[in-house]
Every structure is written in structure tokens, then in C-alpha cells.
Amino acid sequence: MPPYALFPTNATGHLKVDNVHEIYWEDCGKKDGVPIIYLHGGPGGGIEDSDRQYFDPSHYRSILFDQRGSGKSTPHASLVDNTTWHLVSDIEALRVHLGVEKWIVFGGSWGSTLSLAYAERHPDRCIGLILRGIFTLRRSELEWFYQGGADWLFPDFFDAYKAAIPESERGDMMTAYYKRLTGDNEEEKLKCAGAWSTWETATSKLVVDPKYIAKAADPKWALAFARIESHFFVNGGFMPDGQLIKDAGKIAHLPIIIIQGRYDIVCPAKTSWELYQALGGEKNSNVRYTILGNYGHSAHETGIENALVEAADEFKKLKV
């Protein structure tokens, strides 16, 4: 089914989570409804008004926030104390601040990474999970997209991404970008932010969408997106390689829906399949795995968008 009509927030605010960061949050929908938290992608992508439209406002109390350095959170594009585990702590701080006992966790792409990290550390705070375009930040996943693999399918866009880096440094594209995105040359920083962000937006949908690519032309958005992503990626997500799949058994008792585009280039289906198997696969009736043909990575592709709304509707049966 299509997304719900846009509805207003009930409350918004900034929560000071340490001496550096304040995170922007939104509280929407039914004030005494079943809580569901939306975790955005990137990292660094920030939230949009449309992100709350997956959730029936007559049933859910939907909570969204901009992760450290993203969107309306401050300081903008900051990398200080910005790791997976700081973000997990922020989710807990927000839960306490808003008086939530337990909630459904909803996230796609990097949002699925953070959802898994949070749920595996705090399974007692989760009612269930809805995950899309699974990304677990293993080195093999990163190298497929940023170093070599996806370029076989999008060689034209990869050439533009590659062109921002001198040939002598192309053996490790993520490190080369990170050096420039954290350097002192502002012109080069913005150029690399645009090139990095264009590569990802160009490959996010099954059919290249010029309007979606145009998002990368916003220098404020692109800088946060590229800086924070590269920071997390060169540091392996600040966790051992493969940890999220290895620890999947910690959440195998929870209701989980996994939605994956068959032709997802950014986060190929292999990762979602391996997560599904680690959760018990067909033997685990708590987990439903859906792979959608004719779709890529973006949550804004019609079939994926509709499937996410349907998943949230299905989880109306869950109680706090």
C-alpha cells in the first residue's frame, strides 16, 4: 500500500547527548500509540518529512532523529565522538528522554546497520525490527561499492567518482576520499563531497533518477553525508568485521521483517541473505525475508516503499 498522507509532528526538540553534540528529534503520530523509531541512512543522511509516512498516525507514535552531525543536529558534519556506539547510546538517551519503554526499530541501508547494532546491544528494548537494504559494514561490502565491483554496472558514474582522486591513490578510494574530506582545502573538500554523494545517489535506484542525483548538488547535505560516511567506513564501523551477522542470534527471538531489492547495487542482496540465514532462515518463524524483483536500493522506489508501509501495518499486531 502507498505511504500515509503527510502529517505534522507533535513535538520536536534538541537533546544534548554529550559536551559536543545535540541531536534533533521529532515525535509524531498517536501520542499514546505503539512507539516506533526510524533510523536514517548514510551515516550522515538525515531525516526527511516523508520518512514518517511509513507509519499509520492513528496507531503509531513515530520517533525520528538526525544522527550526530546530520540534518538539524549540531555541530554539522562533526566527526568528534561520532561512532556506531555513540549513536547506539544516543538512541537509548532519546528513548529515556521521551519516556519510551520499548519500541519497534525501523531502518534501511545504514539505518539497518544501526538497527542491528542497537538491537543486538539492547534486545530487551525492542518489540521487533523492520529492515531494508541490509548493510553490515563488512570490508567486503564496502570494497564492492567504493573500490571495485559496482563499477562493472555503472562504469560511467564510477569514472566521475574516480576522477576526483589522483591515479596514484586509487588503490584505496575510501582512504583517499577521507583524507580530502577531513583536510583543510575547502574547495577540494566540497568537490569530493559532491563526487562521493553523486556516486551513491546515481546507483541507488534500478533506473538512474536525475532528480535523486540532484540531491548531491546541495553542498551542506553532501558534505555531512560524505564526511560522516567515509569516517565510519575507513574505521570499519568501529566494530570487528562481521560482528553484526555473527551476533544475529541475540535478536533471533524478535519479530523481524527483512525487505531487499533484488537489484540493489549499493547493498547487494547477498548480505541480507546471510543475515537471514544467521537469524535461522526458514526454520525461524519470527523472521520474514522478502526479496523484491525489479527494484534497487532506494526506499523511494515504489515497490520497496509500499512493502515498508505494509510491513509497518503488519506489525500493528505487536504489543508493547
C-alpha atoms as a PDB file:
ATOM      1  CA  MET A   1       0.000   0.000   0.000  1.00  0.00           C
ATOM      2  CA  PRO A   2       1.194   3.588  -0.585  1.00  0.00           C
ATOM      3  CA  PRO A   3       2.585   5.789   2.190  1.00  0.00           C
ATOM      4  CA  TYR A   4       0.236   7.650   4.523  1.00  0.00           C
ATOM      5  CA  ALA A   5      -0.543  11.285   3.780  1.00  0.00           C
ATOM      6  CA  LEU A   6       1.971  13.648   5.343  1.00  0.00           C
ATOM      7  CA  PHE A   7       1.076  14.517   8.922  1.00  0.00           C
ATOM      8  CA  PRO A   8       2.614  17.067  11.308  1.00  0.00           C
ATOM      9  CA  THR A   9       4.933  16.463  14.221  1.00  0.00           C
ATOM     10  CA  ASN A  10       3.527  16.581  17.751  1.00  0.00           C
ATOM     11  CA  ALA A  11       6.780  17.810  19.254  1.00  0.00           C
ATOM     12  CA  THR A  12      10.362  18.498  18.206  1.00  0.00           C
ATOM     13  CA  GLY A  13      13.499  19.355  20.088  1.00  0.00           C
ATOM     14  CA  HIS A  14      17.227  19.039  20.542  1.00  0.00           C
ATOM     15  CA  LEU A  15      18.671  16.604  23.094  1.00  0.00           C
ATOM     16  CA  LYS A  16      22.163  17.318  24.410  1.00  0.00           C
ATOM     17  CA  VAL A  17      23.848  13.912  24.451  1.00  0.00           C
ATOM     18  CA  ASP A  18      27.356  14.990  25.477  1.00  0.00           C
ATOM     19  CA  ASN A  19      29.544  18.099  25.681  1.00  0.00           C
ATOM     20  CA  VAL A  20      29.733  18.335  21.875  1.00  0.00           C
ATOM     21  CA  HIS A  21      26.555  17.023  20.262  1.00  0.00           C
ATOM     22  CA  GLU A  22      22.883  17.945  20.324  1.00  0.00           C
ATOM     23  CA  ILE A  23      20.589  15.670  18.314  1.00  0.00           C
ATOM     24  CA  TYR A  24      17.395  16.921  16.689  1.00  0.00           C
ATOM     25  CA  TRP A  25      14.314  14.713  17.231  1.00  0.00           C
ATOM     26  CA  GLU A  26      10.677  14.551  16.149  1.00  0.00           C
ATOM     27  CA  ASP A  27       7.747  12.893  17.939  1.00  0.00           C
ATOM     28  CA  CYS A  28       4.797  12.204  15.613  1.00  0.00           C
ATOM     29  CA  GLY A  29       1.533  10.314  15.238  1.00  0.00           C
ATOM     30  CA  LYS A  30      -0.589   8.926  18.067  1.00  0.00           C
ATOM     31  CA  LYS A  31       0.676  10.266  21.372  1.00  0.00           C
ATOM     32  CA  ASP A  32      -0.118   7.053  23.260  1.00  0.00           C
ATOM     33  CA  GLY A  33       0.487   4.785  20.256  1.00  0.00           C
ATOM     34  CA  VAL A  34       2.939   1.918  19.851  1.00  0.00           C
ATOM     35  CA  PRO A  35       6.401   3.528  19.661  1.00  0.00           C
ATOM     36  CA  ILE A  36       8.460   3.011  16.514  1.00  0.00           C
ATOM     37  CA  ILE A  37      11.835   4.637  15.884  1.00  0.00           C
ATOM     38  CA  TYR A  38      13.075   5.459  12.395  1.00  0.00           C
ATOM     39  CA  LEU A  39      16.850   5.260  11.864  1.00  0.00           C
ATOM     40  CA  HIS A  40      18.023   7.109   8.752  1.00  0.00           C
ATOM     41  CA  GLY A  41      20.693   6.090   6.301  1.00  0.00           C
ATOM     42  CA  GLY A  42      24.166   7.262   5.380  1.00  0.00           C
ATOM     43  CA  PRO A  43      25.504   7.609   8.009  1.00  0.00           C
ATOM     44  CA  GLY A  44      25.047  11.326   7.583  1.00  0.00           C
ATOM     45  CA  GLY A  45      21.852  11.306   5.511  1.00  0.00           C
ATOM     46  CA  GLY A  46      19.486  12.942   7.990  1.00  0.00           C
ATOM     47  CA  ILE A  47      15.704  12.633   8.149  1.00  0.00           C
ATOM     48  CA  GLU A  48      13.060  13.984   5.752  1.00  0.00           C
ATOM     49  CA  ASP A  49       9.366  14.721   6.280  1.00  0.00           C
ATOM     50  CA  SER A  50       8.456  11.737   4.088  1.00  0.00           C
ATOM     51  CA  ASP A  51      10.209   9.343   6.480  1.00  0.00           C
ATOM     52  CA  ARG A  52       7.298   9.439   8.919  1.00  0.00           C
ATOM     53  CA  GLN A  53       4.791   8.496   6.192  1.00  0.00           C
ATOM     54  CA  TYR A  54       5.504   4.764   6.549  1.00  0.00           C
ATOM     55  CA  PHE A  55       3.690   4.759   9.866  1.00  0.00           C
ATOM     56  CA  ASP A  56      -0.079   4.919  10.434  1.00  0.00           C
ATOM     57  CA  PRO A  57      -0.518   8.015  12.634  1.00  0.00           C
ATOM     58  CA  SER A  58      -3.677   6.562  14.160  1.00  0.00           C
ATOM     59  CA  HIS A  59      -1.686   3.619  15.553  1.00  0.00           C
ATOM     60  CA  TYR A  60       1.995   4.502  15.887  1.00  0.00           C
ATOM     61  CA  ARG A  61       3.904   7.012  17.921  1.00  0.00           C
ATOM     62  CA  SER A  62       6.701   7.508  15.401  1.00  0.00           C
ATOM     63  CA  ILE A  63      10.004   8.955  16.580  1.00  0.00           C
ATOM     64  CA  LEU A  64      12.712  10.158  14.227  1.00  0.00           C
ATOM     65  CA  PHE A  65      16.037  11.889  14.799  1.00  0.00           C
ATOM     66  CA  ASP A  66      19.048  13.247  12.965  1.00  0.00           C
ATOM     67  CA  GLN A  67      22.137  11.292  13.957  1.00  0.00           C
ATOM     68  CA  ARG A  68      25.285  13.104  15.112  1.00  0.00           C
ATOM     69  CA  GLY A  69      26.467  15.638  12.549  1.00  0.00           C
ATOM     70  CA  SER A  70      23.422  15.096  10.301  1.00  0.00           C
ATOM     71  CA  GLY A  71      20.441  17.232   9.322  1.00  0.00           C
ATOM     72  CA  LYS A  72      19.452  19.646  12.078  1.00  0.00           C
ATOM     73  CA  SER A  73      21.726  18.077  14.700  1.00  0.00           C
ATOM     74  CA  THR A  74      24.719  20.134  15.781  1.00  0.00           C
ATOM     75  CA  PRO A  75      27.594  20.605  15.187  1.00  0.00           C
ATOM     76  CA  HIS A  76      27.029  19.994  11.473  1.00  0.00           C
ATOM     77  CA  ALA A  77      29.154  17.276   9.815  1.00  0.00           C
ATOM     78  CA  SER A  78      31.149  16.771  13.019  1.00  0.00           C
ATOM     79  CA  LEU A  79      33.246  13.610  13.327  1.00  0.00           C
ATOM     80  CA  VAL A  80      34.118  14.141  17.000  1.00  0.00           C
ATOM     81  CA  ASP A  81      32.905  11.222  19.120  1.00  0.00           C
ATOM     82  CA  ASN A  82      30.843  10.059  16.159  1.00  0.00           C
ATOM     83  CA  THR A  83      30.851   6.255  16.063  1.00  0.00           C
ATOM     84  CA  THR A  84      28.339   3.441  15.839  1.00  0.00           C
ATOM     85  CA  TRP A  85      28.381   3.019  19.600  1.00  0.00           C
ATOM     86  CA  HIS A  86      27.916   6.715  20.334  1.00  0.00           C
ATOM     87  CA  LEU A  87      24.824   6.568  18.108  1.00  0.00           C
ATOM     88  CA  VAL A  88      23.555   3.466  19.921  1.00  0.00           C
ATOM     89  CA  SER A  89      23.933   5.375  23.190  1.00  0.00           C
ATOM     90  CA  ASP A  90      22.063   8.328  21.681  1.00  0.00           C
ATOM     91  CA  ILE A  91      19.131   6.068  20.791  1.00  0.00           C
ATOM     92  CA  GLU A  92      18.966   4.921  24.401  1.00  0.00           C
ATOM     93  CA  ALA A  93      19.233   8.502  25.672  1.00  0.00           C
ATOM     94  CA  LEU A  94      16.380   9.529  23.365  1.00  0.00           C
ATOM     95  CA  ARG A  95      14.264   6.562  24.498  1.00  0.00           C
ATOM     96  CA  VAL A  96      14.674   7.597  28.128  1.00  0.00           C
ATOM     97  CA  HIS A  97      14.129  11.287  27.334  1.00  0.00           C
ATOM     98  CA  LEU A  98      10.819  10.557  25.580  1.00  0.00           C
ATOM     99  CA  GLY A  99       9.628   8.072  28.191  1.00  0.00           C
ATOM    100  CA  VAL A 100       9.540   5.023  25.918  1.00  0.00           C
ATOM    101  CA  GLU A 101       9.781   1.558  27.483  1.00  0.00           C
ATOM    102  CA  LYS A 102      10.168  -0.452  24.257  1.00  0.00           C
ATOM    103  CA  TRP A 103       9.836   0.288  20.577  1.00  0.00           C
ATOM    104  CA  ILE A 104       9.861  -1.183  17.100  1.00  0.00           C
ATOM    105  CA  VAL A 105      13.113  -0.363  15.311  1.00  0.00           C
ATOM    106  CA  PHE A 106      12.898   0.572  11.615  1.00  0.00           C
ATOM    107  CA  GLY A 107      15.905   1.224   9.380  1.00  0.00           C
ATOM    108  CA  GLY A 108      17.259   0.785   5.870  1.00  0.00           C
ATOM    109  CA  SER A 109      20.775   0.760   4.419  1.00  0.00           C
ATOM    110  CA  TRP A 110      22.991   2.310   7.136  1.00  0.00           C
ATOM    111  CA  GLY A 111      19.773   2.509   9.150  1.00  0.00           C
ATOM    112  CA  SER A 112      19.694  -1.308   9.074  1.00  0.00           C
ATOM    113  CA  THR A 113      23.291  -1.375  10.354  1.00  0.00           C
ATOM    114  CA  LEU A 114      22.429   0.874  13.254  1.00  0.00           C
ATOM    115  CA  SER A 115      19.191  -1.019  13.917  1.00  0.00           C
ATOM    116  CA  LEU A 116      21.124  -4.278  14.221  1.00  0.00           C
ATOM    117  CA  ALA A 117      23.828  -2.719  16.400  1.00  0.00           C
ATOM    118  CA  TYR A 118      21.221  -1.219  18.722  1.00  0.00           C
ATOM    119  CA  ALA A 119      19.023  -4.324  18.883  1.00  0.00           C
ATOM    120  CA  GLU A 120      21.933  -6.677  19.498  1.00  0.00           C
ATOM    121  CA  ARG A 121      23.089  -4.496  22.394  1.00  0.00           C
ATOM    122  CA  HIS A 122      19.581  -3.738  23.756  1.00  0.00           C
ATOM    123  CA  PRO A 123      17.278  -6.610  22.688  1.00  0.00           C
ATOM    124  CA  ASP A 124      15.141  -6.050  25.777  1.00  0.00           C
ATOM    125  CA  ARG A 125      14.167  -2.611  24.440  1.00  0.00           C
ATOM    126  CA  CYS A 126      12.976  -3.889  21.057  1.00  0.00           C
ATOM    127  CA  ILE A 127       9.468  -5.048  20.168  1.00  0.00           C
ATOM    128  CA  GLY A 128      10.552  -6.029  16.652  1.00  0.00           C
ATOM    129  CA  LEU A 129      12.599  -4.846  13.670  1.00  0.00           C
ATOM    130  CA  ILE A 130      11.787  -3.775  10.103  1.00  0.00           C
ATOM    131  CA  LEU A 131      14.954  -3.734   7.994  1.00  0.00           C
ATOM    132  CA  ARG A 132      15.549  -2.755   4.362  1.00  0.00           C
ATOM    133  CA  GLY A 133      18.569  -2.955   2.034  1.00  0.00           C
ATOM    134  CA  ILE A 134      20.774  -4.717   4.558  1.00  0.00           C
ATOM    135  CA  PHE A 135      24.234  -3.284   5.185  1.00  0.00           C
ATOM    136  CA  THR A 136      26.517  -4.690   7.887  1.00  0.00           C
ATOM    137  CA  LEU A 137      29.612  -2.631   7.065  1.00  0.00           C
ATOM    138  CA  ARG A 138      31.910  -5.571   6.375  1.00  0.00           C
ATOM    139  CA  ARG A 139      35.023  -4.675   4.408  1.00  0.00           C
ATOM    140  CA  SER A 140      33.866  -6.846   1.505  1.00  0.00           C
ATOM    141  CA  GLU A 141      30.605  -4.864   1.260  1.00  0.00           C
ATOM    142  CA  LEU A 142      32.453  -1.556   1.281  1.00  0.00           C
ATOM    143  CA  GLU A 143      35.018  -2.606  -1.309  1.00  0.00           C
ATOM    144  CA  TRP A 144      32.294  -3.889  -3.657  1.00  0.00           C
ATOM    145  CA  PHE A 145      30.744  -0.425  -3.832  1.00  0.00           C
ATOM    146  CA  TYR A 146      33.589   2.026  -3.293  1.00  0.00           C
ATOM    147  CA  GLN A 147      36.580   0.190  -4.737  1.00  0.00           C
ATOM    148  CA  GLY A 148      35.627  -2.346  -7.367  1.00  0.00           C
ATOM    149  CA  GLY A 149      32.539  -4.383  -8.240  1.00  0.00           C
ATOM    150  CA  ALA A 150      29.666  -1.959  -8.661  1.00  0.00           C
ATOM    151  CA  ASP A 151      31.772  -0.143 -11.262  1.00  0.00           C
ATOM    152  CA  TRP A 152      31.122  -3.039 -13.662  1.00  0.00           C
ATOM    153  CA  LEU A 153      27.465  -1.981 -13.745  1.00  0.00           C
ATOM    154  CA  PHE A 154      27.869   1.800 -13.522  1.00  0.00           C
ATOM    155  CA  PRO A 155      31.249   2.462 -15.182  1.00  0.00           C
ATOM    156  CA  ASP A 156      30.256   5.931 -16.384  1.00  0.00           C
ATOM    157  CA  PHE A 157      29.332   7.190 -12.933  1.00  0.00           C
ATOM    158  CA  PHE A 158      32.281   5.382 -11.346  1.00  0.00           C
ATOM    159  CA  ASP A 159      34.678   7.199 -13.678  1.00  0.00           C
ATOM    160  CA  ALA A 160      33.384  10.519 -12.356  1.00  0.00           C
ATOM    161  CA  TYR A 161      33.749   9.281  -8.761  1.00  0.00           C
ATOM    162  CA  LYS A 162      37.269   8.052  -9.523  1.00  0.00           C
ATOM    163  CA  ALA A 163      38.299  11.271 -11.275  1.00  0.00           C
ATOM    164  CA  ALA A 164      38.310  13.249  -8.020  1.00  0.00           C
ATOM    165  CA  ILE A 165      41.264  11.171  -6.768  1.00  0.00           C
ATOM    166  CA  PRO A 166      44.792  11.151  -8.253  1.00  0.00           C
ATOM    167  CA  GLU A 167      45.631   7.903 -10.014  1.00  0.00           C
ATOM    168  CA  SER A 168      48.434   7.164  -7.540  1.00  0.00           C
ATOM    169  CA  GLU A 169      45.889   6.965  -4.663  1.00  0.00           C
ATOM    170  CA  ARG A 170      43.135   4.976  -6.331  1.00  0.00           C
ATOM    171  CA  GLY A 171      44.249   1.711  -4.735  1.00  0.00           C
ATOM    172  CA  ASP A 172      42.242   2.737  -1.649  1.00  0.00           C
ATOM    173  CA  MET A 173      39.496   5.092  -2.723  1.00  0.00           C
ATOM    174  CA  MET A 174      37.820   5.380   0.689  1.00  0.00           C
ATOM    175  CA  THR A 175      41.030   6.439   2.407  1.00  0.00           C
ATOM    176  CA  ALA A 176      41.850   8.895  -0.374  1.00  0.00           C
ATOM    177  CA  TYR A 177      38.411  10.492  -0.105  1.00  0.00           C
ATOM    178  CA  TYR A 178      38.549  10.570   3.691  1.00  0.00           C
ATOM    179  CA  LYS A 179      41.879  12.412   3.595  1.00  0.00           C
ATOM    180  CA  ARG A 180      40.361  15.131   1.427  1.00  0.00           C
ATOM    181  CA  LEU A 181      37.011  15.293   3.208  1.00  0.00           C
ATOM    182  CA  THR A 182      38.827  15.908   6.505  1.00  0.00           C
ATOM    183  CA  GLY A 183      41.522  18.165   5.051  1.00  0.00           C
ATOM    184  CA  ASP A 184      41.959  21.946   5.080  1.00  0.00           C
ATOM    185  CA  ASN A 185      41.334  22.601   1.392  1.00  0.00           C
ATOM    186  CA  GLU A 186      37.702  23.731   1.390  1.00  0.00           C
ATOM    187  CA  GLU A 187      37.358  23.720  -2.387  1.00  0.00           C
ATOM    188  CA  GLU A 188      38.673  20.167  -2.658  1.00  0.00           C
ATOM    189  CA  LYS A 189      36.530  19.101   0.305  1.00  0.00           C
ATOM    190  CA  LEU A 190      33.325  20.271  -1.386  1.00  0.00           C
ATOM    191  CA  LYS A 191      34.368  18.813  -4.740  1.00  0.00           C
ATOM    192  CA  CYS A 192      34.965  15.396  -3.164  1.00  0.00           C
ATOM    193  CA  ALA A 193      31.744  15.581  -1.136  1.00  0.00           C
ATOM    194  CA  GLY A 194      29.805  16.155  -4.349  1.00  0.00           C
ATOM    195  CA  ALA A 195      31.574  13.364  -6.242  1.00  0.00           C
ATOM    196  CA  TRP A 196      31.137  10.835  -3.410  1.00  0.00           C
ATOM    197  CA  SER A 197      27.459  11.689  -2.938  1.00  0.00           C
ATOM    198  CA  THR A 198      26.729  11.680  -6.676  1.00  0.00           C
ATOM    199  CA  TRP A 199      28.156   8.155  -6.982  1.00  0.00           C
ATOM    200  CA  GLU A 200      25.779   6.877  -4.322  1.00  0.00           C
ATOM    201  CA  THR A 201      22.661   8.727  -5.484  1.00  0.00           C
ATOM    202  CA  ALA A 202      23.274   7.667  -9.106  1.00  0.00           C
ATOM    203  CA  THR A 203      23.321   3.980  -8.178  1.00  0.00           C
ATOM    204  CA  SER A 204      20.542   3.915  -5.587  1.00  0.00           C
ATOM    205  CA  LYS A 205      17.647   3.173  -7.917  1.00  0.00           C
ATOM    206  CA  LEU A 206      17.176   0.475 -10.540  1.00  0.00           C
ATOM    207  CA  VAL A 207      16.665   3.207 -13.123  1.00  0.00           C
ATOM    208  CA  VAL A 208      19.000   6.187 -12.766  1.00  0.00           C
ATOM    209  CA  ASP A 209      16.969   9.137 -11.451  1.00  0.00           C
ATOM    210  CA  PRO A 210      18.401  12.590 -12.308  1.00  0.00           C
ATOM    211  CA  LYS A 211      16.186  14.251  -9.683  1.00  0.00           C
ATOM    212  CA  TYR A 212      17.631  11.992  -6.994  1.00  0.00           C
ATOM    213  CA  ILE A 213      21.179  12.659  -8.197  1.00  0.00           C
ATOM    214  CA  ALA A 214      20.474  16.388  -7.915  1.00  0.00           C
ATOM    215  CA  LYS A 215      20.319  15.941  -4.143  1.00  0.00           C
ATOM    216  CA  ALA A 216      24.119  15.701  -4.182  1.00  0.00           C
ATOM    217  CA  ALA A 217      24.308  19.259  -5.543  1.00  0.00           C
ATOM    218  CA  ASP A 218      23.362  20.598  -2.084  1.00  0.00           C
ATOM    219  CA  PRO A 219      26.820  21.216  -0.557  1.00  0.00           C
ATOM    220  CA  LYS A 220      25.601  21.192   3.053  1.00  0.00           C
ATOM    221  CA  TRP A 221      23.903  17.822   2.667  1.00  0.00           C
ATOM    222  CA  ALA A 222      26.699  16.317   0.553  1.00  0.00           C
ATOM    223  CA  LEU A 223      29.434  17.377   2.986  1.00  0.00           C
ATOM    224  CA  ALA A 224      27.778  15.767   6.010  1.00  0.00           C
ATOM    225  CA  PHE A 225      26.883  12.673   4.004  1.00  0.00           C
ATOM    226  CA  ALA A 226      30.350  12.126   2.506  1.00  0.00           C
ATOM    227  CA  ARG A 227      32.406  13.123   5.564  1.00  0.00           C
ATOM    228  CA  ILE A 228      30.458  11.004   8.020  1.00  0.00           C
ATOM    229  CA  GLU A 229      30.154   8.004   5.680  1.00  0.00           C
ATOM    230  CA  SER A 230      33.873   7.949   4.883  1.00  0.00           C
ATOM    231  CA  HIS A 231      34.710   8.398   8.579  1.00  0.00           C
ATOM    232  CA  PHE A 232      32.669   5.345   9.518  1.00  0.00           C
ATOM    233  CA  PHE A 233      33.836   3.292   6.550  1.00  0.00           C
ATOM    234  CA  VAL A 234      37.604   3.749   6.910  1.00  0.00           C
ATOM    235  CA  ASN A 235      37.146   2.777  10.561  1.00  0.00           C
ATOM    236  CA  GLY A 236      35.140  -0.354   9.784  1.00  0.00           C
ATOM    237  CA  GLY A 237      32.114   0.946  11.643  1.00  0.00           C
ATOM    238  CA  PHE A 238      34.146   0.868  14.863  1.00  0.00           C
ATOM    239  CA  MET A 239      33.496  -2.855  15.313  1.00  0.00           C
ATOM    240  CA  PRO A 240      35.083  -6.184  14.341  1.00  0.00           C
ATOM    241  CA  ASP A 241      34.427  -7.203  10.737  1.00  0.00           C
ATOM    242  CA  GLY A 242      31.269  -9.310  10.543  1.00  0.00           C
ATOM    243  CA  GLN A 243      30.130  -8.609  14.116  1.00  0.00           C
ATOM    244  CA  LEU A 244      26.507  -7.825  13.278  1.00  0.00           C
ATOM    245  CA  ILE A 245      25.915 -11.089  11.428  1.00  0.00           C
ATOM    246  CA  LYS A 246      27.920 -13.090  13.970  1.00  0.00           C
ATOM    247  CA  ASP A 247      25.772 -11.717  16.817  1.00  0.00           C
ATOM    248  CA  ALA A 248      22.439 -12.068  14.999  1.00  0.00           C
ATOM    249  CA  GLY A 249      21.445 -14.881  17.351  1.00  0.00           C
ATOM    250  CA  LYS A 250      20.983 -12.281  20.093  1.00  0.00           C
ATOM    251  CA  ILE A 251      17.859 -10.986  18.321  1.00  0.00           C
ATOM    252  CA  ALA A 252      16.584 -14.181  16.664  1.00  0.00           C
ATOM    253  CA  HIS A 253      13.697 -14.334  19.152  1.00  0.00           C
ATOM    254  CA  LEU A 254      12.298 -10.989  17.973  1.00  0.00           C
ATOM    255  CA  PRO A 255       9.794 -10.487  15.137  1.00  0.00           C
ATOM    256  CA  ILE A 256      11.861  -9.276  12.167  1.00  0.00           C
ATOM    257  CA  ILE A 257      10.898  -8.342   8.610  1.00  0.00           C
ATOM    258  CA  ILE A 258      13.682  -8.001   6.026  1.00  0.00           C
ATOM    259  CA  ILE A 259      12.916  -6.271   2.717  1.00  0.00           C
ATOM    260  CA  GLN A 260      15.525  -6.350  -0.033  1.00  0.00           C
ATOM    261  CA  GLY A 261      15.650  -5.124  -3.621  1.00  0.00           C
ATOM    262  CA  ARG A 262      16.866  -7.893  -5.956  1.00  0.00           C
ATOM    263  CA  TYR A 263      18.992  -5.451  -7.953  1.00  0.00           C
ATOM    264  CA  ASP A 264      20.339  -3.401  -5.070  1.00  0.00           C
ATOM    265  CA  ILE A 265      23.797  -2.248  -6.196  1.00  0.00           C
ATOM    266  CA  VAL A 266      24.656  -0.257  -3.073  1.00  0.00           C
ATOM    267  CA  CYS A 267      23.890  -3.075  -0.614  1.00  0.00           C
ATOM    268  CA  PRO A 268      23.690  -6.294  -2.667  1.00  0.00           C
ATOM    269  CA  ALA A 269      21.204  -8.998  -1.659  1.00  0.00           C
ATOM    270  CA  LYS A 270      23.946 -11.406  -0.520  1.00  0.00           C
ATOM    271  CA  THR A 271      24.272  -9.553   2.793  1.00  0.00           C
ATOM    272  CA  SER A 272      20.545  -9.688   3.534  1.00  0.00           C
ATOM    273  CA  TRP A 273      20.510 -13.398   2.713  1.00  0.00           C
ATOM    274  CA  GLU A 274      23.440 -14.067   5.028  1.00  0.00           C
ATOM    275  CA  LEU A 275      21.722 -12.142   7.817  1.00  0.00           C
ATOM    276  CA  TYR A 276      18.528 -14.112   7.251  1.00  0.00           C
ATOM    277  CA  GLN A 277      20.449 -17.382   7.481  1.00  0.00           C
ATOM    278  CA  ALA A 278      22.246 -16.203  10.645  1.00  0.00           C
ATOM    279  CA  LEU A 279      18.837 -15.494  12.175  1.00  0.00           C
ATOM    280  CA  GLY A 280      17.770 -19.078  11.484  1.00  0.00           C
ATOM    281  CA  GLY A 281      16.386 -18.745   7.972  1.00  0.00           C
ATOM    282  CA  GLU A 282      13.249 -20.704   7.177  1.00  0.00           C
ATOM    283  CA  LYS A 283      13.489 -22.537  10.495  1.00  0.00           C
ATOM    284  CA  ASN A 284      12.814 -19.297  12.391  1.00  0.00           C
ATOM    285  CA  SER A 285       9.143 -18.346  12.124  1.00  0.00           C
ATOM    286  CA  ASN A 286       9.880 -14.975  13.757  1.00  0.00           C
ATOM    287  CA  VAL A 287      11.729 -13.780  10.668  1.00  0.00           C
ATOM    288  CA  ARG A 288      10.253 -12.967   7.260  1.00  0.00           C
ATOM    289  CA  TYR A 289      12.556 -12.369   4.298  1.00  0.00           C
ATOM    290  CA  THR A 290      11.173 -10.667   1.205  1.00  0.00           C
ATOM    291  CA  ILE A 291      13.217 -10.037  -1.907  1.00  0.00           C
ATOM    292  CA  LEU A 292      11.570  -7.748  -4.442  1.00  0.00           C
ATOM    293  CA  GLY A 293      12.308  -8.096  -8.151  1.00  0.00           C
ATOM    294  CA  ASN A 294      12.601  -5.016 -10.372  1.00  0.00           C
ATOM    295  CA  TYR A 295      13.920  -2.781  -7.595  1.00  0.00           C
ATOM    296  CA  GLY A 296      17.266  -1.468  -6.433  1.00  0.00           C
ATOM    297  CA  HIS A 297      18.393   0.108  -3.177  1.00  0.00           C
ATOM    298  CA  SER A 298      16.325   3.215  -2.547  1.00  0.00           C
ATOM    299  CA  ALA A 299      13.406   3.216  -0.132  1.00  0.00           C
ATOM    300  CA  HIS A 300      11.774   5.691  -2.524  1.00  0.00           C
ATOM    301  CA  GLU A 301      11.240   3.107  -5.255  1.00  0.00           C
ATOM    302  CA  THR A 302       7.516   2.415  -5.351  1.00  0.00           C
ATOM    303  CA  GLY A 303       7.576  -1.330  -4.656  1.00  0.00           C
ATOM    304  CA  ILE A 304      10.009  -1.019  -1.764  1.00  0.00           C
ATOM    305  CA  GLU A 305       8.168   1.965  -0.318  1.00  0.00           C
ATOM    306  CA  ASN A 306       4.858   0.097  -0.413  1.00  0.00           C
ATOM    307  CA  ALA A 307       6.425  -3.020   1.131  1.00  0.00           C
ATOM    308  CA  LEU A 308       7.763  -0.944   4.029  1.00  0.00           C
ATOM    309  CA  VAL A 309       4.326   0.558   4.695  1.00  0.00           C
ATOM    310  CA  GLU A 310       2.808  -2.930   4.595  1.00  0.00           C
ATOM    311  CA  ALA A 311       5.467  -4.230   6.997  1.00  0.00           C
ATOM    312  CA  ALA A 312       4.691  -1.460   9.479  1.00  0.00           C
ATOM    313  CA  ASP A 313       0.974  -2.222   9.110  1.00  0.00           C
ATOM    314  CA  GLU A 314       1.660  -5.917   9.710  1.00  0.00           C
ATOM    315  CA  PHE A 315       3.457  -5.055  12.925  1.00  0.00           C
ATOM    316  CA  LYS A 316       0.326  -3.373  14.286  1.00  0.00           C
ATOM    317  CA  LYS A 317      -0.359  -6.806  15.755  1.00  0.00           C
ATOM    318  CA  LEU A 318       2.644  -6.389  18.091  1.00  0.00           C
ATOM    319  CA  LYS A 319       2.059  -5.023  21.548  1.00  0.00           C
ATOM    320  CA  VAL A 320       4.411  -3.167  23.871  1.00  0.00           C
END
